[in-house]
N, C-alpha and C. Protein backbone atom coordinates (compact mmCIF):
# COMPACT_ATOMS: atom_id res chain seq x y z
N UNK A 1 108.13 160.06 67.40
CA UNK A 1 107.06 160.71 67.49
C UNK A 1 105.60 159.27 68.24
N UNK A 2 105.32 159.64 69.11
CA UNK A 2 103.14 158.79 69.27
C UNK A 2 102.86 159.14 67.77
N UNK A 3 102.07 158.66 67.70
CA UNK A 3 101.12 159.04 66.51
C UNK A 3 99.44 158.11 67.85
N UNK A 4 98.74 159.43 67.76
CA UNK A 4 96.59 159.09 68.20
C UNK A 4 96.42 158.46 67.15
N UNK A 5 95.54 157.18 67.64
CA UNK A 5 94.21 156.98 66.67
C UNK A 5 93.17 157.34 67.77
N UNK A 6 92.45 158.98 67.78
CA UNK A 6 91.05 158.52 69.26
C UNK A 6 89.97 158.31 68.37
N UNK A 7 89.43 157.59 68.79
CA UNK A 7 88.04 156.45 68.46
C UNK A 7 87.41 157.21 69.35
N UNK A 8 86.20 158.03 69.25
CA UNK A 8 84.85 158.22 69.55
C UNK A 8 83.79 158.21 69.23
N UNK A 9 82.93 158.11 70.56
CA UNK A 9 81.81 157.04 70.48
C UNK A 9 80.15 158.10 71.22
N UNK A 10 80.01 158.96 69.85
CA UNK A 10 78.74 159.90 70.36
C UNK A 10 77.75 159.31 70.99
N UNK A 11 77.01 159.74 71.68
CA UNK A 11 77.13 160.21 73.38
C UNK A 11 75.25 160.89 72.77
N UNK A 12 74.64 160.32 71.19
CA UNK A 12 73.41 161.20 70.95
C UNK A 12 72.07 160.47 71.40
N UNK A 13 70.89 160.70 71.09
CA UNK A 13 69.68 160.58 71.87
C UNK A 13 69.57 158.80 71.02
N UNK A 14 68.96 158.27 71.63
CA UNK A 14 68.88 156.80 71.40
C UNK A 14 70.43 155.94 71.40
N UNK A 15 71.36 156.20 72.56
CA UNK A 15 72.86 155.69 70.71
C UNK A 15 72.96 154.83 72.38
N UNK A 16 73.43 153.74 72.01
CA UNK A 16 73.78 152.40 73.25
C UNK A 16 75.50 152.19 73.35
N UNK A 17 75.79 151.83 74.77
CA UNK A 17 77.59 151.88 74.69
C UNK A 17 77.49 150.63 75.48
N UNK A 18 78.10 150.46 75.76
CA UNK A 18 77.71 148.70 76.39
C UNK A 18 80.04 148.70 77.18
N UNK A 19 80.25 149.63 77.53
CA UNK A 19 81.94 149.73 78.63
C UNK A 19 82.41 148.45 78.17
N UNK A 20 81.54 147.70 79.01
CA UNK A 20 82.67 146.33 80.09
C UNK A 20 82.40 145.61 79.37
N UNK A 21 81.70 145.60 78.07
CA UNK A 21 82.81 144.45 76.59
C UNK A 21 83.50 145.35 76.03
N UNK A 22 82.93 147.03 75.86
CA UNK A 22 84.47 147.67 75.06
C UNK A 22 85.58 147.49 75.76
N UNK A 23 85.73 147.87 76.87
CA UNK A 23 87.27 147.03 78.24
C UNK A 23 87.61 145.02 77.53
N UNK A 24 86.79 145.09 78.18
CA UNK A 24 87.08 143.42 78.41
C UNK A 24 86.67 142.78 77.04
N UNK A 25 86.79 142.69 76.42
CA UNK A 25 86.67 141.62 74.56
C UNK A 25 86.62 142.57 73.64
N UNK A 26 86.80 143.86 73.09
CA UNK A 26 87.25 144.41 71.86
C UNK A 26 88.00 145.40 71.87
N UNK A 27 88.06 146.12 73.00
CA UNK A 27 90.14 146.59 73.91
C UNK A 27 91.08 144.95 73.02
N UNK A 28 90.83 144.17 73.76
CA UNK A 28 92.22 143.09 73.68
C UNK A 28 91.79 142.24 72.91
N UNK A 29 90.75 143.00 71.72
CA UNK A 29 90.07 141.71 70.48
C UNK A 29 91.45 142.84 68.84
N UNK A 30 91.62 144.21 69.21
CA UNK A 30 92.05 145.12 68.84
C UNK A 30 93.69 144.98 69.35
N UNK A 31 94.45 144.88 70.49
CA UNK A 31 95.18 144.28 70.65
C UNK A 31 95.90 142.65 70.43
N UNK A 32 94.99 142.85 70.65
CA UNK A 32 95.40 140.49 69.32
C UNK A 32 95.59 140.57 67.95
N UNK A 33 94.46 141.03 66.90
CA UNK A 33 95.20 141.15 66.18
C UNK A 33 95.89 143.29 65.25
N UNK A 34 95.91 144.24 66.61
CA UNK A 34 96.47 144.59 65.69
C UNK A 34 98.40 144.88 66.22
N UNK A 35 98.75 144.58 66.94
CA UNK A 35 100.10 144.56 67.83
C UNK A 35 100.83 143.53 66.80
N UNK A 36 100.49 143.78 66.34
CA UNK A 36 101.51 142.60 64.94
C UNK A 36 101.35 143.69 63.51
N UNK A 37 101.16 144.83 63.84
CA UNK A 37 100.83 145.94 63.13
C UNK A 37 101.80 146.84 63.40
N UNK A 38 102.14 147.59 64.88
CA UNK A 38 103.35 147.93 65.55
C UNK A 38 102.11 148.53 65.92
N UNK A 39 100.95 148.44 66.38
CA UNK A 39 100.22 148.57 67.72
C UNK A 39 100.92 148.54 68.92
N UNK A 40 100.94 149.72 70.16
CA UNK A 40 102.22 150.72 71.46
C UNK A 40 101.25 149.80 73.18
N UNK A 41 99.90 150.40 72.46
CA UNK A 41 99.13 150.16 73.33
C UNK A 41 97.22 151.24 73.62
N UNK A 42 96.74 151.44 74.03
CA UNK A 42 95.99 152.24 74.54
C UNK A 42 95.39 152.31 75.64
N UNK A 43 94.49 153.57 75.78
CA UNK A 43 93.37 152.91 76.86
C UNK A 43 92.52 153.70 76.66
N UNK A 44 91.07 154.08 77.47
CA UNK A 44 89.79 154.50 76.77
C UNK A 44 89.85 155.28 78.41
N UNK A 45 88.42 155.98 78.03
CA UNK A 45 88.24 157.62 78.49
C UNK A 45 86.61 156.87 79.01
N UNK A 46 86.35 157.33 79.71
CA UNK A 46 84.55 157.45 79.44
C UNK A 46 83.28 158.61 80.23
N UNK A 47 83.43 159.06 79.59
CA UNK A 47 83.04 160.55 79.76
C UNK A 47 81.46 161.45 81.23
N UNK A 48 82.29 162.14 80.89
CA UNK A 48 80.55 162.46 82.56
C UNK A 48 80.08 163.79 81.79
N UNK A 49 79.62 164.53 82.83
CA UNK A 49 78.72 165.96 82.54
C UNK A 49 80.13 166.71 82.84
N UNK A 50 80.43 168.24 82.33
CA UNK A 50 80.74 168.54 82.54
C UNK A 50 81.42 169.95 83.63
N UNK A 51 81.31 170.80 84.43
CA UNK A 51 81.09 170.82 85.17
C UNK A 51 80.07 172.28 85.74
N UNK A 52 79.38 172.01 84.07
CA UNK A 52 77.65 173.25 84.23
C UNK A 52 76.28 171.41 83.88
N UNK A 53 76.71 170.37 84.17
CA UNK A 53 76.42 168.97 84.50
C UNK A 53 75.34 168.77 82.80
N UNK A 54 76.18 169.38 81.67
CA UNK A 54 75.20 169.33 80.72
C UNK A 54 76.08 168.11 80.04
N UNK A 55 75.50 166.79 79.11
CA UNK A 55 76.17 165.84 78.29
C UNK A 55 76.98 165.92 77.91
N UNK A 56 78.09 165.42 78.06
CA UNK A 56 79.25 165.02 77.13
C UNK A 56 78.47 164.35 75.95
N UNK A 57 78.66 165.53 75.21
CA UNK A 57 78.87 164.98 73.09
C UNK A 57 79.27 163.85 73.42
N UNK A 58 80.31 162.67 73.61
CA UNK A 58 80.79 161.45 73.73
C UNK A 58 80.83 161.32 74.52
N UNK A 59 80.50 159.91 74.87
CA UNK A 59 80.21 159.13 75.41
C UNK A 59 81.83 158.43 76.55
N UNK A 60 82.57 158.14 74.95
CA UNK A 60 84.16 156.59 75.47
C UNK A 60 84.59 157.19 74.23
N UNK A 61 86.21 156.84 74.58
CA UNK A 61 87.13 157.40 73.68
C UNK A 61 88.03 156.01 74.08
N UNK A 62 88.63 155.67 72.50
CA UNK A 62 89.36 155.00 72.48
C UNK A 62 90.87 155.66 72.49
N UNK A 63 91.77 155.55 72.72
CA UNK A 63 92.80 156.25 71.94
C UNK A 63 94.40 154.80 72.02
N UNK A 64 94.40 154.89 70.27
CA UNK A 64 95.31 154.27 70.06
C UNK A 64 96.80 154.65 70.08
N UNK A 65 97.31 153.87 70.04
CA UNK A 65 98.91 154.90 70.64
C UNK A 65 99.28 153.48 69.68
N UNK A 66 100.23 154.54 69.03
CA UNK A 66 101.14 153.98 67.85
C UNK A 66 102.39 155.14 67.42
N UNK A 67 103.98 154.67 66.83
CA UNK A 67 104.82 155.08 66.73
C UNK A 67 104.74 155.76 65.67
N UNK A 68 103.88 155.53 64.50
CA UNK A 68 104.16 156.52 63.03
C UNK A 68 102.80 156.47 61.91
N UNK A 69 102.49 156.77 61.38
CA UNK A 69 101.40 157.04 60.29
C UNK A 69 100.76 155.14 59.40
N UNK A 70 102.23 155.63 59.20
CA UNK A 70 102.27 154.53 58.03
C UNK A 70 102.00 153.32 58.72
N UNK A 71 102.08 152.89 60.19
CA UNK A 71 101.58 151.30 60.63
C UNK A 71 99.84 151.65 60.94
N UNK A 72 99.15 152.87 60.84
CA UNK A 72 97.68 153.01 61.27
C UNK A 72 97.24 152.33 59.42
N UNK A 73 98.54 152.83 58.52
CA UNK A 73 97.10 152.16 57.51
C UNK A 73 97.85 150.68 57.36
N UNK A 74 99.05 150.51 57.54
CA UNK A 74 98.63 149.42 57.67
C UNK A 74 98.39 148.26 57.86
N UNK A 75 98.16 148.29 59.92
CA UNK A 75 96.67 148.12 60.35
C UNK A 75 95.64 148.48 60.00
N UNK A 76 95.18 149.36 59.31
CA UNK A 76 94.03 149.83 59.33
C UNK A 76 92.87 149.03 57.79
N UNK A 77 93.83 148.47 56.64
CA UNK A 77 94.08 147.28 56.24
C UNK A 77 93.65 146.69 55.86
N UNK A 78 94.59 146.41 57.18
CA UNK A 78 95.00 144.62 56.96
C UNK A 78 93.94 143.92 56.41
N UNK A 79 92.42 143.45 55.86
CA UNK A 79 91.40 142.51 55.74
C UNK A 79 91.09 142.06 57.13
N UNK A 80 90.78 140.44 57.36
CA UNK A 80 90.49 140.43 58.09
C UNK A 80 90.69 140.96 59.48
N UNK A 81 91.67 141.28 59.61
CA UNK A 81 92.76 141.58 61.54
C UNK A 81 91.64 142.90 61.51
N UNK A 82 91.46 144.20 59.83
CA UNK A 82 90.42 145.39 60.54
C UNK A 82 89.27 144.43 60.52
N UNK A 83 88.54 143.94 59.14
CA UNK A 83 87.10 143.24 59.56
C UNK A 83 86.85 143.05 60.69
N UNK A 84 87.94 142.44 61.02
CA UNK A 84 87.80 141.38 62.66
C UNK A 84 86.86 142.21 63.87
N UNK A 85 88.39 143.53 64.21
CA UNK A 85 87.56 144.09 63.80
C UNK A 85 86.77 146.17 64.57
N UNK A 86 86.81 146.23 63.47
CA UNK A 86 85.04 147.23 62.93
C UNK A 86 84.11 146.41 62.87
N UNK A 87 83.96 144.83 62.30
CA UNK A 87 83.07 144.32 62.41
C UNK A 87 82.21 143.84 64.47
N UNK A 88 82.85 143.89 65.33
CA UNK A 88 82.59 144.28 66.47
C UNK A 88 81.81 145.03 67.63
N UNK A 89 82.44 146.18 66.50
CA UNK A 89 81.59 147.66 66.84
C UNK A 89 79.40 147.20 66.92
N UNK A 90 79.21 146.75 66.09
CA UNK A 90 77.78 146.04 66.91
C UNK A 90 77.95 145.75 67.90
N UNK A 91 78.39 144.66 68.14
CA UNK A 91 78.09 144.35 69.70
C UNK A 91 78.39 144.93 71.22
N UNK A 92 79.60 146.52 71.61
CA UNK A 92 78.87 146.77 71.82
C UNK A 92 78.17 148.33 71.27
N UNK A 93 77.83 149.39 70.83
CA UNK A 93 77.90 150.06 70.12
C UNK A 93 76.86 150.42 69.13
N UNK A 94 75.63 151.34 69.00
CA UNK A 94 74.54 151.77 67.97
C UNK A 94 74.84 152.53 67.13
N UNK A 95 75.88 152.85 67.53
CA UNK A 95 76.62 154.35 66.45
C UNK A 95 77.94 154.34 66.13
N UNK A 96 77.62 154.05 65.12
CA UNK A 96 78.92 154.77 64.29
C UNK A 96 80.27 155.69 64.89
N UNK A 97 81.02 155.38 65.40
CA UNK A 97 81.75 156.16 66.05
C UNK A 97 83.00 157.25 64.89
N UNK A 98 83.26 157.97 65.96
CA UNK A 98 84.16 159.54 64.88
C UNK A 98 86.32 159.29 64.62
N UNK A 99 86.26 159.15 63.58
CA UNK A 99 87.83 158.82 64.07
C UNK A 99 88.43 159.74 63.89
N UNK A 100 89.24 160.44 64.74
CA UNK A 100 90.41 161.18 64.99
C UNK A 100 91.88 160.47 64.30
N UNK A 101 92.98 161.63 64.41
CA UNK A 101 94.10 160.60 64.47
C UNK A 101 95.55 162.05 64.45
N UNK A 102 96.47 161.90 65.04
CA UNK A 102 97.37 162.92 64.26
C UNK A 102 98.70 163.11 65.20
N UNK A 103 100.32 163.05 64.91
CA UNK A 103 101.29 163.13 65.68
C UNK A 103 101.32 163.23 67.54
N UNK A 104 101.70 162.99 68.15
CA UNK A 104 101.55 164.56 69.47
C UNK A 104 102.97 165.57 69.60
N UNK A 105 102.89 166.03 69.58
CA UNK A 105 102.91 167.49 69.40
C UNK A 105 104.00 167.88 70.85
N UNK A 106 103.30 167.80 71.78
CA UNK A 106 103.42 168.57 73.19
C UNK A 106 103.25 167.86 74.12
N UNK A 107 103.55 167.46 75.32
CA UNK A 107 103.16 166.39 76.21
C UNK A 107 104.39 166.15 77.61
N UNK A 108 104.37 166.40 78.64
CA UNK A 108 104.49 166.76 79.77
C UNK A 108 104.33 165.71 80.58
């Protein structure tokens, strides 16, 4: 089973998000700190206006790919490693992310 953690950054009024820092600095930090706990990979999505031109609710999301939820729990509770990751958020965003997680139930 593959387990995903979605980290969504709200695109609220006044929200700031540095995509370049996120991709070049933060995500490599995540890989460095959490690969030993079972992180298999990630992808980053930058959201654009929808077909109606409406501003997206989220600016960006990062998807963390794991084999099982227990690995996520271990990583999240990893003390200094988790603190380094969560402590880096103010370096690229002034909003707190929304975190969703669950197993992949279908994929083609």
